[in-house]
Structures are given as C-alpha cells and as structure tokens.
Amino acid sequence: GHFELNEPAAQIAWFGTPLSLTRYEFLLLKTLLLSPERVYSRQQLMDIVWSDAQETYDRTVDTHIKTLRAKLRAINPDLSPINTHRGMGYSLRSV
C-alpha cells in the first residue's frame, strides 16, 4: 500500500513521491516491501542486503532504518510503515 517499486530503475515511490535512496536503503526497503508483515532479523537483513559487503556492523541495519524512516516521514509525517519488533527485527506494515 502506498509504495510503488520500479525495480529496473532501482526506484521506490511513496504516495507518488520518488524516494531519494542510497543503494543499501533501496535494497533494504525493497526486501521489506516484497514480504509485508514478515519480521526480518538484523542478521537476515544483513545477509540479504549487505551480501557483498566486506565488513558490516550490527548497527548498520538500524542506521539505515533510521534514515529510511526520516525520508518516509518527510513525505508523510503521519504514517510510520516500518515496524520495530524489539529483540527480533523489522517489518513493513501492509497498509
């Protein structure tokens, strides 16, 4: 809901507004988008999104989630589509 994924262009729009995303932000949001409501652990997200990275740190996922949330909030401050599941990981609401 409200997201549009244009995979060939590596572009995701929210409420019709294209998001200006880094490579990893795009891959992270795309992963969550493809399985709404599924809870991904940090480790799963690291394995999927940062599969080619030499070194990544535990907080890498958190940092990217934070910047993604800020970009989404800039478009619609009333909605927060990314859920945090304490001690488990993150999911995307399927609204």
PDB file of N, CA and C in Angstrom:
ATOM      1  N   GLY A   1       0.809  -1.195   0.000  1.00  0.00           N
ATOM      2  CA  GLY A   1       0.000   0.000   0.000  1.00  0.00           C
ATOM      3  C   GLY A   1       0.845   1.250   0.000  1.00  0.00           C
ATOM      4  N   HIS A   2       0.579   2.165  -0.868  1.00  0.00           N
ATOM      5  CA  HIS A   2       1.216   3.473  -0.983  1.00  0.00           C
ATOM      6  C   HIS A   2       2.642   3.427  -1.524  1.00  0.00           C
ATOM      7  N   PHE A   3       3.224   2.222  -1.628  1.00  0.00           N
ATOM      8  CA  PHE A   3       4.569   2.112  -2.196  1.00  0.00           C
ATOM      9  C   PHE A   3       4.476   1.665  -3.643  1.00  0.00           C
ATOM     10  N   GLU A   4       5.373   2.187  -4.483  1.00  0.00           N
ATOM     11  CA  GLU A   4       5.494   1.710  -5.860  1.00  0.00           C
ATOM     12  C   GLU A   4       6.952   1.347  -6.077  1.00  0.00           C
ATOM     13  N   LEU A   5       7.189   0.094  -6.443  1.00  0.00           N
ATOM     14  CA  LEU A   5       8.547  -0.389  -6.681  1.00  0.00           C
ATOM     15  C   LEU A   5       8.803  -0.446  -8.179  1.00  0.00           C
ATOM     16  N   ASN A   6       9.842   0.250  -8.623  1.00  0.00           N
ATOM     17  CA  ASN A   6      10.291   0.186 -10.014  1.00  0.00           C
ATOM     18  C   ASN A   6      11.691  -0.410  -9.983  1.00  0.00           C
ATOM     19  N   GLU A   7      11.728  -1.739 -10.050  1.00  0.00           N
ATOM     20  CA  GLU A   7      12.998  -2.448  -9.874  1.00  0.00           C
ATOM     21  C   GLU A   7      14.043  -2.111 -10.941  1.00  0.00           C
ATOM     22  N   PRO A   8      13.676  -2.086 -12.239  1.00  0.00           N
ATOM     23  CA  PRO A   8      14.701  -1.776 -13.251  1.00  0.00           C
ATOM     24  C   PRO A   8      15.364  -0.417 -13.027  1.00  0.00           C
ATOM     25  N   ALA A   9      14.594   0.537 -12.524  1.00  0.00           N
ATOM     26  CA  ALA A   9      15.144   1.878 -12.285  1.00  0.00           C
ATOM     27  C   ALA A   9      15.715   2.013 -10.874  1.00  0.00           C
ATOM     28  N   ALA A  10      15.643   0.935 -10.097  1.00  0.00           N
ATOM     29  CA  ALA A  10      16.075   0.968  -8.694  1.00  0.00           C
ATOM     30  C   ALA A  10      15.430   2.154  -7.980  1.00  0.00           C
ATOM     31  N   GLN A  11      14.118   2.262  -8.142  1.00  0.00           N
ATOM     32  CA  GLN A  11      13.382   3.406  -7.600  1.00  0.00           C
ATOM     33  C   GLN A  11      12.158   2.926  -6.823  1.00  0.00           C
ATOM     34  N   ILE A  12      11.923   3.556  -5.685  1.00  0.00           N
ATOM     35  CA  ILE A  12      10.715   3.295  -4.910  1.00  0.00           C
ATOM     36  C   ILE A  12      10.043   4.640  -4.646  1.00  0.00           C
ATOM     37  N   ALA A  13       8.741   4.685  -4.911  1.00  0.00           N
ATOM     38  CA  ALA A  13       7.976   5.898  -4.624  1.00  0.00           C
ATOM     39  C   ALA A  13       7.019   5.599  -3.475  1.00  0.00           C
ATOM     40  N   TRP A  14       6.764   6.621  -2.680  1.00  0.00           N
ATOM     41  CA  TRP A  14       5.805   6.506  -1.584  1.00  0.00           C
ATOM     42  C   TRP A  14       4.800   7.629  -1.733  1.00  0.00           C
ATOM     43  N   PHE A  15       3.515   7.285  -1.788  1.00  0.00           N
ATOM     44  CA  PHE A  15       2.455   8.268  -2.041  1.00  0.00           C
ATOM     45  C   PHE A  15       2.761   9.061  -3.311  1.00  0.00           C
ATOM     46  N   GLY A  16       3.324   8.366  -4.319  1.00  0.00           N
ATOM     47  CA  GLY A  16       3.600   9.006  -5.604  1.00  0.00           C
ATOM     48  C   GLY A  16       4.867   9.830  -5.652  1.00  0.00           C
ATOM     49  N   THR A  17       5.547   9.958  -4.524  1.00  0.00           N
ATOM     50  CA  THR A  17       6.780  10.744  -4.480  1.00  0.00           C
ATOM     51  C   THR A  17       7.986   9.814  -4.497  1.00  0.00           C
ATOM     52  N   PRO A  18       8.840   9.917  -5.522  1.00  0.00           N
ATOM     53  CA  PRO A  18      10.031   9.063  -5.561  1.00  0.00           C
ATOM     54  C   PRO A  18      10.952   9.364  -4.380  1.00  0.00           C
ATOM     55  N   LEU A  19      11.435   8.307  -3.755  1.00  0.00           N
ATOM     56  CA  LEU A  19      12.357   8.463  -2.631  1.00  0.00           C
ATOM     57  C   LEU A  19      13.784   8.541  -3.158  1.00  0.00           C
ATOM     58  N   SER A  20      14.559   9.435  -2.589  1.00  0.00           N
ATOM     59  CA  SER A  20      15.971   9.533  -2.945  1.00  0.00           C
ATOM     60  C   SER A  20      16.739   8.596  -2.019  1.00  0.00           C
ATOM     61  N   LEU A  21      17.041   7.399  -2.517  1.00  0.00           N
ATOM     62  CA  LEU A  21      17.610   6.355  -1.665  1.00  0.00           C
ATOM     63  C   LEU A  21      19.031   5.990  -2.069  1.00  0.00           C
ATOM     64  N   THR A  22      19.835   5.654  -1.079  1.00  0.00           N
ATOM     65  CA  THR A  22      21.142   5.076  -1.361  1.00  0.00           C
ATOM     66  C   THR A  22      20.919   3.632  -1.809  1.00  0.00           C
ATOM     67  N   ARG A  23      21.951   3.023  -2.313  1.00  0.00           N
ATOM     68  CA  ARG A  23      21.847   1.636  -2.779  1.00  0.00           C
ATOM     69  C   ARG A  23      21.324   0.718  -1.676  1.00  0.00           C
ATOM     70  N   TYR A  24      21.903   0.863  -0.487  1.00  0.00           N
ATOM     71  CA  TYR A  24      21.517  -0.036   0.600  1.00  0.00           C
ATOM     72  C   TYR A  24      20.132   0.287   1.147  1.00  0.00           C
ATOM     73  N   GLU A  25      19.770   1.563   1.161  1.00  0.00           N
ATOM     74  CA  GLU A  25      18.406   1.921   1.572  1.00  0.00           C
ATOM     75  C   GLU A  25      17.387   1.313   0.606  1.00  0.00           C
ATOM     76  N   PHE A  26      17.700   1.392  -0.693  1.00  0.00           N
ATOM     77  CA  PHE A  26      16.799   0.808  -1.695  1.00  0.00           C
ATOM     78  C   PHE A  26      16.647  -0.696  -1.473  1.00  0.00           C
ATOM     79  N   LEU A  27      17.770  -1.395  -1.323  1.00  0.00           N
ATOM     80  CA  LEU A  27      17.726  -2.854  -1.155  1.00  0.00           C
ATOM     81  C   LEU A  27      17.007  -3.246   0.131  1.00  0.00           C
ATOM     82  N   LEU A  28      17.214  -2.460   1.175  1.00  0.00           N
ATOM     83  CA  LEU A  28      16.581  -2.734   2.463  1.00  0.00           C
ATOM     84  C   LEU A  28      15.064  -2.554   2.365  1.00  0.00           C
ATOM     85  N   LEU A  29      14.636  -1.433   1.810  1.00  0.00           N
ATOM     86  CA  LEU A  29      13.202  -1.174   1.690  1.00  0.00           C
ATOM     87  C   LEU A  29      12.555  -2.171   0.725  1.00  0.00           C
ATOM     88  N   LYS A  30      13.254  -2.497  -0.364  1.00  0.00           N
ATOM     89  CA  LYS A  30      12.729  -3.476  -1.321  1.00  0.00           C
ATOM     90  C   LYS A  30      12.510  -4.827  -0.637  1.00  0.00           C
ATOM     91  N   THR A  31      13.468  -5.249   0.174  1.00  0.00           N
ATOM     92  CA  THR A  31      13.352  -6.525   0.886  1.00  0.00           C
ATOM     93  C   THR A  31      12.110  -6.534   1.774  1.00  0.00           C
ATOM     94  N   LEU A  32      11.910  -5.452   2.534  1.00  0.00           N
ATOM     95  CA  LEU A  32      10.740  -5.359   3.410  1.00  0.00           C
ATOM     96  C   LEU A  32       9.443  -5.310   2.594  1.00  0.00           C
ATOM     97  N   LEU A  33       9.490  -4.588   1.466  1.00  0.00           N
ATOM     98  CA  LEU A  33       8.305  -4.439   0.608  1.00  0.00           C
ATOM     99  C   LEU A  33       7.833  -5.759   0.018  1.00  0.00           C
ATOM    100  N   LEU A  34       8.786  -6.614  -0.335  1.00  0.00           N
ATOM    101  CA  LEU A  34       8.432  -7.859  -1.013  1.00  0.00           C
ATOM    102  C   LEU A  34       7.733  -8.847  -0.089  1.00  0.00           C
ATOM    103  N   SER A  35       7.909  -8.684   1.225  1.00  0.00           N
ATOM    104  CA  SER A  35       7.227  -9.562   2.191  1.00  0.00           C
ATOM    105  C   SER A  35       6.650  -8.739   3.329  1.00  0.00           C
ATOM    106  N   PRO A  36       5.575  -7.978   3.044  1.00  0.00           N
ATOM    107  CA  PRO A  36       4.990  -7.163   4.109  1.00  0.00           C
ATOM    108  C   PRO A  36       4.551  -8.026   5.283  1.00  0.00           C
ATOM    109  N   GLU A  37       4.666  -7.475   6.453  1.00  0.00           N
ATOM    110  CA  GLU A  37       4.310  -8.130   7.723  1.00  0.00           C
ATOM    111  C   GLU A  37       5.330  -9.180   8.166  1.00  0.00           C
ATOM    112  N   ARG A  38       6.227  -9.607   7.275  1.00  0.00           N
ATOM    113  CA  ARG A  38       7.237 -10.572   7.696  1.00  0.00           C
ATOM    114  C   ARG A  38       8.281  -9.854   8.546  1.00  0.00           C
ATOM    115  N   VAL A  39       8.614 -10.445   9.677  1.00  0.00           N
ATOM    116  CA  VAL A  39       9.644  -9.867  10.545  1.00  0.00           C
ATOM    117  C   VAL A  39      11.001 -10.427  10.131  1.00  0.00           C
ATOM    118  N   TYR A  40      11.880  -9.521   9.746  1.00  0.00           N
ATOM    119  CA  TYR A  40      13.255  -9.893   9.401  1.00  0.00           C
ATOM    120  C   TYR A  40      14.168  -9.544  10.564  1.00  0.00           C
ATOM    121  N   SER A  41      15.024 -10.465  10.943  1.00  0.00           N
ATOM    122  CA  SER A  41      16.019 -10.151  11.967  1.00  0.00           C
ATOM    123  C   SER A  41      17.105  -9.280  11.341  1.00  0.00           C
ATOM    124  N   ARG A  42      17.881  -8.606  12.184  1.00  0.00           N
ATOM    125  CA  ARG A  42      19.007  -7.827  11.675  1.00  0.00           C
ATOM    126  C   ARG A  42      19.918  -8.702  10.825  1.00  0.00           C
ATOM    127  N   GLN A  43      20.176  -9.911  11.324  1.00  0.00           N
ATOM    128  CA  GLN A  43      21.100 -10.802  10.622  1.00  0.00           C
ATOM    129  C   GLN A  43      20.566 -11.177   9.242  1.00  0.00           C
ATOM    130  N   GLN A  44      19.276 -11.455   9.144  1.00  0.00           N
ATOM    131  CA  GLN A  44      18.683 -11.783   7.840  1.00  0.00           C
ATOM    132  C   GLN A  44      18.822 -10.608   6.877  1.00  0.00           C
ATOM    133  N   LEU A  45      18.552  -9.408   7.377  1.00  0.00           N
ATOM    134  CA  LEU A  45      18.667  -8.221   6.529  1.00  0.00           C
ATOM    135  C   LEU A  45      20.113  -7.994   6.106  1.00  0.00           C
ATOM    136  N   MET A  46      21.045  -8.219   7.028  1.00  0.00           N
ATOM    137  CA  MET A  46      22.468  -8.089   6.693  1.00  0.00           C
ATOM    138  C   MET A  46      22.828  -9.069   5.584  1.00  0.00           C
ATOM    139  N   ASP A  47      22.370 -10.313   5.722  1.00  0.00           N
ATOM    140  CA  ASP A  47      22.707 -11.353   4.744  1.00  0.00           C
ATOM    141  C   ASP A  47      22.126 -11.044   3.366  1.00  0.00           C
ATOM    142  N   ILE A  48      20.911 -10.495   3.336  1.00  0.00           N
ATOM    143  CA  ILE A  48      20.250 -10.209   2.057  1.00  0.00           C
ATOM    144  C   ILE A  48      20.794  -8.928   1.428  1.00  0.00           C
ATOM    145  N   VAL A  49      20.817  -7.860   2.218  1.00  0.00           N
ATOM    146  CA  VAL A  49      21.114  -6.533   1.680  1.00  0.00           C
ATOM    147  C   VAL A  49      22.611  -6.280   1.542  1.00  0.00           C
ATOM    148  N   TRP A  50      23.357  -6.703   2.543  1.00  0.00           N
ATOM    149  CA  TRP A  50      24.796  -6.440   2.542  1.00  0.00           C
ATOM    150  C   TRP A  50      25.592  -7.691   2.181  1.00  0.00           C
ATOM    151  N   SER A  51      25.030  -8.525   1.310  1.00  0.00           N
ATOM    152  CA  SER A  51      25.654  -9.813   0.998  1.00  0.00           C
ATOM    153  C   SER A  51      27.049  -9.659   0.403  1.00  0.00           C
ATOM    154  N   ASP A  52      27.284  -8.543  -0.308  1.00  0.00           N
ATOM    155  CA  ASP A  52      28.580  -8.378  -0.961  1.00  0.00           C
ATOM    156  C   ASP A  52      29.536  -7.486  -0.170  1.00  0.00           C
ATOM    157  N   ALA A  53      29.075  -6.969   0.949  1.00  0.00           N
ATOM    158  CA  ALA A  53      29.913  -6.044   1.719  1.00  0.00           C
ATOM    159  C   ALA A  53      30.991  -6.808   2.484  1.00  0.00           C
ATOM    160  N   GLN A  54      32.183  -6.251   2.509  1.00  0.00           N
ATOM    161  CA  GLN A  54      33.288  -6.892   3.210  1.00  0.00           C
ATOM    162  C   GLN A  54      33.064  -6.866   4.717  1.00  0.00           C
ATOM    163  N   GLU A  55      32.754  -5.685   5.207  1.00  0.00           N
ATOM    164  CA  GLU A  55      32.566  -5.541   6.652  1.00  0.00           C
ATOM    165  C   GLU A  55      31.286  -4.782   6.918  1.00  0.00           C
ATOM    166  N   THR A  56      30.478  -5.335   7.790  1.00  0.00           N
ATOM    167  CA  THR A  56      29.295  -4.602   8.231  1.00  0.00           C
ATOM    168  C   THR A  56      29.205  -4.757   9.738  1.00  0.00           C
ATOM    169  N   TYR A  57      28.530  -3.825  10.356  1.00  0.00           N
ATOM    170  CA  TYR A  57      28.446  -3.826  11.806  1.00  0.00           C
ATOM    171  C   TYR A  57      26.999  -3.978  12.233  1.00  0.00           C
ATOM    172  N   ASP A  58      26.827  -4.432  13.439  1.00  0.00           N
ATOM    173  CA  ASP A  58      25.494  -4.735  13.952  1.00  0.00           C
ATOM    174  C   ASP A  58      24.526  -3.567  13.797  1.00  0.00           C
ATOM    175  N   ARG A  59      25.016  -2.354  13.983  1.00  0.00           N
ATOM    176  CA  ARG A  59      24.134  -1.183  13.947  1.00  0.00           C
ATOM    177  C   ARG A  59      23.877  -0.677  12.532  1.00  0.00           C
ATOM    178  N   THR A  60      24.525  -1.278  11.540  1.00  0.00           N
ATOM    179  CA  THR A  60      24.343  -0.838  10.155  1.00  0.00           C
ATOM    180  C   THR A  60      22.874  -0.846   9.760  1.00  0.00           C
ATOM    181  N   VAL A  61      22.184  -1.926  10.071  1.00  0.00           N
ATOM    182  CA  VAL A  61      20.764  -2.043   9.720  1.00  0.00           C
ATOM    183  C   VAL A  61      19.969  -0.947  10.418  1.00  0.00           C
ATOM    184  N   ASP A  62      20.211  -0.769  11.709  1.00  0.00           N
ATOM    185  CA  ASP A  62      19.480   0.245  12.486  1.00  0.00           C
ATOM    186  C   ASP A  62      19.664   1.639  11.890  1.00  0.00           C
ATOM    187  N   THR A  63      20.902   1.948  11.525  1.00  0.00           N
ATOM    188  CA  THR A  63      21.205   3.264  10.966  1.00  0.00           C
ATOM    189  C   THR A  63      20.445   3.493   9.668  1.00  0.00           C
ATOM    190  N   HIS A  64      20.409   2.483   8.813  1.00  0.00           N
ATOM    191  CA  HIS A  64      19.707   2.619   7.538  1.00  0.00           C
ATOM    192  C   HIS A  64      18.190   2.681   7.734  1.00  0.00           C
ATOM    193  N   ILE A  65      17.676   1.932   8.696  1.00  0.00           N
ATOM    194  CA  ILE A  65      16.238   2.008   9.016  1.00  0.00           C
ATOM    195  C   ILE A  65      15.909   3.434   9.469  1.00  0.00           C
ATOM    196  N   LYS A  66      16.786   4.004  10.273  1.00  0.00           N
ATOM    197  CA  LYS A  66      16.574   5.358  10.795  1.00  0.00           C
ATOM    198  C   LYS A  66      16.520   6.384   9.652  1.00  0.00           C
ATOM    199  N   THR A  67      17.461   6.288   8.707  1.00  0.00           N
ATOM    200  CA  THR A  67      17.457   7.245   7.594  1.00  0.00           C
ATOM    201  C   THR A  67      16.258   7.011   6.675  1.00  0.00           C
ATOM    202  N   LEU A  68      15.885   5.750   6.494  1.00  0.00           N
ATOM    203  CA  LEU A  68      14.685   5.441   5.696  1.00  0.00           C
ATOM    204  C   LEU A  68      13.444   6.052   6.332  1.00  0.00           C
ATOM    205  N   ARG A  69      13.329   5.883   7.646  1.00  0.00           N
ATOM    206  CA  ARG A  69      12.163   6.438   8.355  1.00  0.00           C
ATOM    207  C   ARG A  69      12.097   7.948   8.197  1.00  0.00           C
ATOM    208  N   ALA A  70      13.249   8.603   8.265  1.00  0.00           N
ATOM    209  CA  ALA A  70      13.287  10.063   8.124  1.00  0.00           C
ATOM    210  C   ALA A  70      12.814  10.477   6.730  1.00  0.00           C
ATOM    211  N   LYS A  71      13.222   9.736   5.713  1.00  0.00           N
ATOM    212  CA  LYS A  71      12.818  10.054   4.341  1.00  0.00           C
ATOM    213  C   LYS A  71      11.322   9.812   4.140  1.00  0.00           C
ATOM    214  N   LEU A  72      10.791   8.771   4.758  1.00  0.00           N
ATOM    215  CA  LEU A  72       9.354   8.492   4.664  1.00  0.00           C
ATOM    216  C   LEU A  72       8.554   9.551   5.427  1.00  0.00           C
ATOM    217  N   ARG A  73       9.071   9.948   6.594  1.00  0.00           N
ATOM    218  CA  ARG A  73       8.402  10.952   7.421  1.00  0.00           C
ATOM    219  C   ARG A  73       8.345  12.303   6.702  1.00  0.00           C
ATOM    220  N   ALA A  74       9.368  12.590   5.900  1.00  0.00           N
ATOM    221  CA  ALA A  74       9.400  13.856   5.164  1.00  0.00           C
ATOM    222  C   ALA A  74       8.251  13.929   4.160  1.00  0.00           C
ATOM    223  N   ILE A  75       7.816  12.773   3.666  1.00  0.00           N
ATOM    224  CA  ILE A  75       6.705  12.728   2.706  1.00  0.00           C
ATOM    225  C   ILE A  75       5.362  12.672   3.427  1.00  0.00           C
ATOM    226  N   ASN A  76       5.271  11.827   4.445  1.00  0.00           N
ATOM    227  CA  ASN A  76       4.025  11.707   5.205  1.00  0.00           C
ATOM    228  C   ASN A  76       4.342  11.525   6.688  1.00  0.00           C
ATOM    229  N   PRO A  77       4.321  12.631   7.449  1.00  0.00           N
ATOM    230  CA  PRO A  77       4.692  12.562   8.868  1.00  0.00           C
ATOM    231  C   PRO A  77       3.717  11.774   9.730  1.00  0.00           C
ATOM    232  N   ASP A  78       2.517  11.489   9.195  1.00  0.00           N
ATOM    233  CA  ASP A  78       1.504  10.805   9.998  1.00  0.00           C
ATOM    234  C   ASP A  78       1.620   9.288   9.974  1.00  0.00           C
ATOM    235  N   LEU A  79       2.385   8.755   9.031  1.00  0.00           N
ATOM    236  CA  LEU A  79       2.497   7.303   8.910  1.00  0.00           C
ATOM    237  C   LEU A  79       3.925   6.838   9.156  1.00  0.00           C
ATOM    238  N   SER A  80       4.035   5.709   9.827  1.00  0.00           N
ATOM    239  CA  SER A  80       5.338   5.088  10.041  1.00  0.00           C
ATOM    240  C   SER A  80       5.230   3.626   9.609  1.00  0.00           C
ATOM    241  N   PRO A  81       5.529   3.343   8.345  1.00  0.00           N
ATOM    242  CA  PRO A  81       5.274   1.997   7.823  1.00  0.00           C
ATOM    243  C   PRO A  81       6.244   0.922   8.310  1.00  0.00           C
ATOM    244  N   ILE A  82       7.399   1.332   8.828  1.00  0.00           N
ATOM    245  CA  ILE A  82       8.374   0.331   9.273  1.00  0.00           C
ATOM    246  C   ILE A  82       8.192   0.063  10.764  1.00  0.00           C
ATOM    247  N   ASN A  83       7.919  -1.186  11.085  1.00  0.00           N
ATOM    248  CA  ASN A  83       7.741  -1.607  12.481  1.00  0.00           C
ATOM    249  C   ASN A  83       9.049  -2.110  13.066  1.00  0.00           C
ATOM    250  N   THR A  84       9.279  -1.778  14.328  1.00  0.00           N
ATOM    251  CA  THR A  84      10.387  -2.371  15.071  1.00  0.00           C
ATOM    252  C   THR A  84       9.816  -3.436  15.987  1.00  0.00           C
ATOM    253  N   HIS A  85      10.391  -4.615  15.941  1.00  0.00           N
ATOM    254  CA  HIS A  85       9.997  -5.705  16.843  1.00  0.00           C
ATOM    255  C   HIS A  85      11.173  -5.921  17.790  1.00  0.00           C
ATOM    256  N   ARG A  86      11.048  -5.403  18.992  1.00  0.00           N
ATOM    257  CA  ARG A  86      12.171  -5.418  19.937  1.00  0.00           C
ATOM    258  C   ARG A  86      12.769  -6.803  20.110  1.00  0.00           C
ATOM    259  N   GLY A  87      14.072  -6.863  19.950  1.00  0.00           N
ATOM    260  CA  GLY A  87      14.775  -8.118  20.120  1.00  0.00           C
ATOM    261  C   GLY A  87      14.595  -9.089  18.965  1.00  0.00           C
ATOM    262  N   MET A  88      13.797  -8.688  17.960  1.00  0.00           N
ATOM    263  CA  MET A  88      13.540  -9.588  16.834  1.00  0.00           C
ATOM    264  C   MET A  88      13.968  -8.997  15.498  1.00  0.00           C
ATOM    265  N   GLY A  89      13.559  -7.775  15.221  1.00  0.00           N
ATOM    266  CA  GLY A  89      13.930  -7.187  13.940  1.00  0.00           C
ATOM    267  C   GLY A  89      12.926  -6.166  13.448  1.00  0.00           C
ATOM    268  N   TYR A  90      12.705  -6.157  12.136  1.00  0.00           N
ATOM    269  CA  TYR A  90      11.876  -5.137  11.499  1.00  0.00           C
ATOM    270  C   TYR A  90      10.901  -5.765  10.513  1.00  0.00           C
ATOM    271  N   SER A  91       9.787  -5.075  10.309  1.00  0.00           N
ATOM    272  CA  SER A  91       8.838  -5.486   9.277  1.00  0.00           C
ATOM    273  C   SER A  91       8.199  -4.236   8.689  1.00  0.00           C
ATOM    274  N   LEU A  92       7.509  -4.442   7.573  1.00  0.00           N
ATOM    275  CA  LEU A  92       6.784  -3.357   6.931  1.00  0.00           C
ATOM    276  C   LEU A  92       5.296  -3.619   7.097  1.00  0.00           C
ATOM    277  N   ARG A  93       4.566  -2.606   7.545  1.00  0.00           N
ATOM    278  CA  ARG A  93       3.107  -2.743   7.649  1.00  0.00           C
ATOM    279  C   ARG A  93       2.523  -2.881   6.249  1.00  0.00           C
ATOM    280  N   SER A  94       1.527  -3.722   6.110  1.00  0.00           N
ATOM    281  CA  SER A  94       0.921  -3.900   4.779  1.00  0.00           C
ATOM    282  C   SER A  94      -0.302  -3.008   4.619  1.00  0.00           C
ATOM    283  N   VAL A  95      -0.142  -1.730   4.945  1.00  0.00           N
ATOM    284  CA  VAL A  95      -1.265  -0.787   4.778  1.00  0.00           C
ATOM    285  C   VAL A  95      -1.172  -0.096   3.428  1.00  0.00           C
TER     286      VAL A  95
END
